């Protein structure tokens, strides 16, 4: 008969793998469903009557930690990318702000706010 703790750890590992795949595909709907699965797996580990991982091999726990950290890193990068895209879109949606550049001395200067000229913004 299979050890219940081993089964729970395998379930958690499967969820972490599914989460990695969803993150690399950019599958947001799948990620939202995986949150509930991951929480349920962690809660089941907490209800075993033992400290989580007490009877688990250290190599299994280390592998789970690495996978969880990898997924967290992927999530952080995805969020950073989404924020960058949102910022770029915001800049292009606000043509009322002057275009800022730098002069040969490295000083910031705004173009287009003096005089009647216009600047065409291209993406």
C-alpha atoms as a PDB file:
ATOM      1  CA  UNK A   1       0.000   0.000   0.000  1.00  0.00           C
ATOM      2  CA  UNK A   2       1.209   3.474  -0.864  1.00  0.00           C
ATOM      3  CA  UNK A   3       2.238   5.868   1.886  1.00  0.00           C
ATOM      4  CA  UNK A   4      -0.440   8.626   2.195  1.00  0.00           C
ATOM      5  CA  UNK A   5       2.241  11.304   2.633  1.00  0.00           C
ATOM      6  CA  UNK A   6       3.967  10.165  -0.571  1.00  0.00           C
ATOM      7  CA  UNK A   7       0.653  10.353  -2.431  1.00  0.00           C
ATOM      8  CA  UNK A   8       0.027  13.885  -1.167  1.00  0.00           C
ATOM      9  CA  UNK A   9       3.524  14.995  -2.160  1.00  0.00           C
ATOM     10  CA  UNK A  10       3.078  13.471  -5.623  1.00  0.00           C
ATOM     11  CA  UNK A  11      -0.226  15.338  -5.980  1.00  0.00           C
ATOM     12  CA  UNK A  12       1.484  18.599  -5.019  1.00  0.00           C
ATOM     13  CA  UNK A  13       4.302  17.924  -7.474  1.00  0.00           C
ATOM     14  CA  UNK A  14       1.771  17.288 -10.255  1.00  0.00           C
ATOM     15  CA  UNK A  15       0.046  20.594  -9.478  1.00  0.00           C
ATOM     16  CA  UNK A  16       3.387  22.429  -9.554  1.00  0.00           C
ATOM     17  CA  UNK A  17       4.188  20.877 -12.927  1.00  0.00           C
ATOM     18  CA  UNK A  18       0.771  21.832 -14.326  1.00  0.00           C
ATOM     19  CA  UNK A  19       1.315  25.344 -12.992  1.00  0.00           C
ATOM     20  CA  UNK A  20       4.715  25.572 -14.741  1.00  0.00           C
ATOM     21  CA  UNK A  21       3.175  24.498 -18.023  1.00  0.00           C
ATOM     22  CA  UNK A  22       0.358  27.028 -17.700  1.00  0.00           C
ATOM     23  CA  UNK A  23       2.838  29.792 -16.874  1.00  0.00           C
ATOM     24  CA  UNK A  24       5.049  29.020 -19.853  1.00  0.00           C
ATOM     25  CA  UNK A  25       1.999  28.932 -22.156  1.00  0.00           C
ATOM     26  CA  UNK A  26       0.532  32.100 -20.659  1.00  0.00           C
ATOM     27  CA  UNK A  27      -2.690  30.218 -19.918  1.00  0.00           C
ATOM     28  CA  UNK A  28      -4.308  32.533 -17.362  1.00  0.00           C
ATOM     29  CA  UNK A  29      -7.612  30.612 -17.087  1.00  0.00           C
ATOM     30  CA  UNK A  30      -5.694  27.421 -16.263  1.00  0.00           C
ATOM     31  CA  UNK A  31      -3.658  29.291 -13.637  1.00  0.00           C
ATOM     32  CA  UNK A  32      -6.767  30.461 -11.816  1.00  0.00           C
ATOM     33  CA  UNK A  33      -8.007  26.862 -11.567  1.00  0.00           C
ATOM     34  CA  UNK A  34      -4.611  25.667 -10.355  1.00  0.00           C
ATOM     35  CA  UNK A  35      -4.665  28.050  -7.408  1.00  0.00           C
ATOM     36  CA  UNK A  36      -7.528  26.094  -5.846  1.00  0.00           C
ATOM     37  CA  UNK A  37      -5.816  22.753  -6.577  1.00  0.00           C
ATOM     38  CA  UNK A  38      -2.557  23.920  -5.037  1.00  0.00           C
ATOM     39  CA  UNK A  39      -4.290  25.278  -1.931  1.00  0.00           C
ATOM     40  CA  UNK A  40      -6.214  22.031  -1.517  1.00  0.00           C
ATOM     41  CA  UNK A  41      -3.014  19.960  -1.823  1.00  0.00           C
ATOM     42  CA  UNK A  42      -1.253  22.110   0.765  1.00  0.00           C
ATOM     43  CA  UNK A  43      -4.250  21.937   3.115  1.00  0.00           C
ATOM     44  CA  UNK A  44      -4.331  18.118   2.809  1.00  0.00           C
ATOM     45  CA  UNK A  45      -0.654  18.082   3.796  1.00  0.00           C
ATOM     46  CA  UNK A  46      -1.524  20.129   6.872  1.00  0.00           C
ATOM     47  CA  UNK A  47      -4.271  17.714   7.929  1.00  0.00           C
ATOM     48  CA  UNK A  48      -2.167  14.581   8.052  1.00  0.00           C
ATOM     49  CA  UNK A  49      -1.596  14.933  11.787  1.00  0.00           C
ATOM     50  CA  UNK A  50       2.141  15.303  11.211  1.00  0.00           C
ATOM     51  CA  UNK A  51       4.226  18.337  10.423  1.00  0.00           C
ATOM     52  CA  UNK A  52       4.201  18.755   6.620  1.00  0.00           C
ATOM     53  CA  UNK A  53       6.996  16.695   5.145  1.00  0.00           C
ATOM     54  CA  UNK A  54       7.940  15.050   8.455  1.00  0.00           C
ATOM     55  CA  UNK A  55       8.178  11.596   6.884  1.00  0.00           C
ATOM     56  CA  UNK A  56       9.104  12.738   3.383  1.00  0.00           C
ATOM     57  CA  UNK A  57      12.504  12.085   1.879  1.00  0.00           C
ATOM     58  CA  UNK A  58      14.655  15.217   1.892  1.00  0.00           C
ATOM     59  CA  UNK A  59      15.332  14.931  -1.834  1.00  0.00           C
ATOM     60  CA  UNK A  60      11.568  15.028  -2.515  1.00  0.00           C
ATOM     61  CA  UNK A  61      11.139  18.124  -0.350  1.00  0.00           C
ATOM     62  CA  UNK A  62      14.117  19.816  -2.017  1.00  0.00           C
ATOM     63  CA  UNK A  63      12.675  19.043  -5.469  1.00  0.00           C
ATOM     64  CA  UNK A  64       9.286  20.483  -4.454  1.00  0.00           C
ATOM     65  CA  UNK A  65      10.975  23.630  -3.105  1.00  0.00           C
ATOM     66  CA  UNK A  66      12.894  24.077  -6.377  1.00  0.00           C
ATOM     67  CA  UNK A  67       9.738  23.641  -8.440  1.00  0.00           C
ATOM     68  CA  UNK A  68       7.761  26.049  -6.270  1.00  0.00           C
ATOM     69  CA  UNK A  69      10.575  28.629  -6.484  1.00  0.00           C
ATOM     70  CA  UNK A  70      10.840  28.166 -10.258  1.00  0.00           C
ATOM     71  CA  UNK A  71       7.102  28.769 -10.613  1.00  0.00           C
ATOM     72  CA  UNK A  72       7.314  31.838  -8.385  1.00  0.00           C
ATOM     73  CA  UNK A  73      10.126  33.210 -10.560  1.00  0.00           C
ATOM     74  CA  UNK A  74       8.072  32.552 -13.706  1.00  0.00           C
ATOM     75  CA  UNK A  75       5.087  34.308 -12.141  1.00  0.00           C
ATOM     76  CA  UNK A  76       7.227  37.294 -11.113  1.00  0.00           C
ATOM     77  CA  UNK A  77       8.616  37.625 -14.642  1.00  0.00           C
ATOM     78  CA  UNK A  78       5.163  37.330 -16.189  1.00  0.00           C
ATOM     79  CA  UNK A  79       3.788  40.036 -13.896  1.00  0.00           C
ATOM     80  CA  UNK A  80       6.750  42.299 -14.631  1.00  0.00           C
ATOM     81  CA  UNK A  81       6.156  41.818 -18.352  1.00  0.00           C
ATOM     82  CA  UNK A  82       2.466  42.643 -18.009  1.00  0.00           C
ATOM     83  CA  UNK A  83       3.291  45.801 -16.054  1.00  0.00           C
ATOM     84  CA  UNK A  84       5.799  46.859 -18.729  1.00  0.00           C
ATOM     85  CA  UNK A  85       3.220  46.339 -21.470  1.00  0.00           C
ATOM     86  CA  UNK A  86       0.608  48.301 -19.513  1.00  0.00           C
ATOM     87  CA  UNK A  87       3.074  51.170 -19.017  1.00  0.00           C
ATOM     88  CA  UNK A  88       3.939  51.250 -22.723  1.00  0.00           C
ATOM     89  CA  UNK A  89       0.296  51.210 -23.720  1.00  0.00           C
ATOM     90  CA  UNK A  90      -0.385  54.009 -21.264  1.00  0.00           C
ATOM     91  CA  UNK A  91       2.361  56.140 -22.841  1.00  0.00           C
ATOM     92  CA  UNK A  92       0.914  55.623 -26.315  1.00  0.00           C
ATOM     93  CA  UNK A  93      -2.629  56.365 -25.181  1.00  0.00           C
ATOM     94  CA  UNK A  94      -1.648  59.751 -23.744  1.00  0.00           C
ATOM     95  CA  UNK A  95      -0.579  61.907 -26.662  1.00  0.00           C
ATOM     96  CA  UNK A  96      -1.182  65.044 -24.559  1.00  0.00           C
ATOM     97  CA  UNK A  97       2.109  64.480 -22.748  1.00  0.00           C
ATOM     98  CA  UNK A  98       5.216  65.781 -24.478  1.00  0.00           C
ATOM     99  CA  UNK A  99       7.766  63.335 -25.837  1.00  0.00           C
ATOM    100  CA  UNK A 100      10.836  63.299 -23.616  1.00  0.00           C
ATOM    101  CA  UNK A 101      14.343  62.774 -24.948  1.00  0.00           C
ATOM    102  CA  UNK A 102      17.881  63.576 -23.823  1.00  0.00           C
ATOM    103  CA  UNK A 103      20.159  66.224 -25.293  1.00  0.00           C
ATOM    104  CA  UNK A 104      23.850  65.753 -26.051  1.00  0.00           C
ATOM    105  CA  UNK A 105      24.700  66.718 -22.454  1.00  0.00           C
ATOM    106  CA  UNK A 106      22.468  63.985 -21.012  1.00  0.00           C
ATOM    107  CA  UNK A 107      19.792  66.418 -19.804  1.00  0.00           C
ATOM    108  CA  UNK A 108      16.152  65.486 -20.209  1.00  0.00           C
ATOM    109  CA  UNK A 109      14.157  67.699 -22.541  1.00  0.00           C
ATOM    110  CA  UNK A 110      10.561  67.670 -23.661  1.00  0.00           C
ATOM    111  CA  UNK A 111       9.838  67.871 -27.368  1.00  0.00           C
ATOM    112  CA  UNK A 112       6.629  69.225 -28.743  1.00  0.00           C
ATOM    113  CA  UNK A 113       5.502  71.388 -25.812  1.00  0.00           C
ATOM    114  CA  UNK A 114       6.801  74.656 -27.245  1.00  0.00           C
ATOM    115  CA  UNK A 115       5.461  76.110 -30.452  1.00  0.00           C
ATOM    116  CA  UNK A 116       2.790  74.849 -32.772  1.00  0.00           C
ATOM    117  CA  UNK A 117       4.603  71.848 -34.249  1.00  0.00           C
ATOM    118  CA  UNK A 118       3.379  68.331 -33.832  1.00  0.00           C
ATOM    119  CA  UNK A 119       5.179  65.071 -33.317  1.00  0.00           C
ATOM    120  CA  UNK A 120       3.985  61.814 -34.759  1.00  0.00           C
ATOM    121  CA  UNK A 121       4.372  58.899 -32.370  1.00  0.00           C
ATOM    122  CA  UNK A 122       5.088  55.546 -33.921  1.00  0.00           C
ATOM    123  CA  UNK A 123       5.180  52.219 -32.228  1.00  0.00           C
END
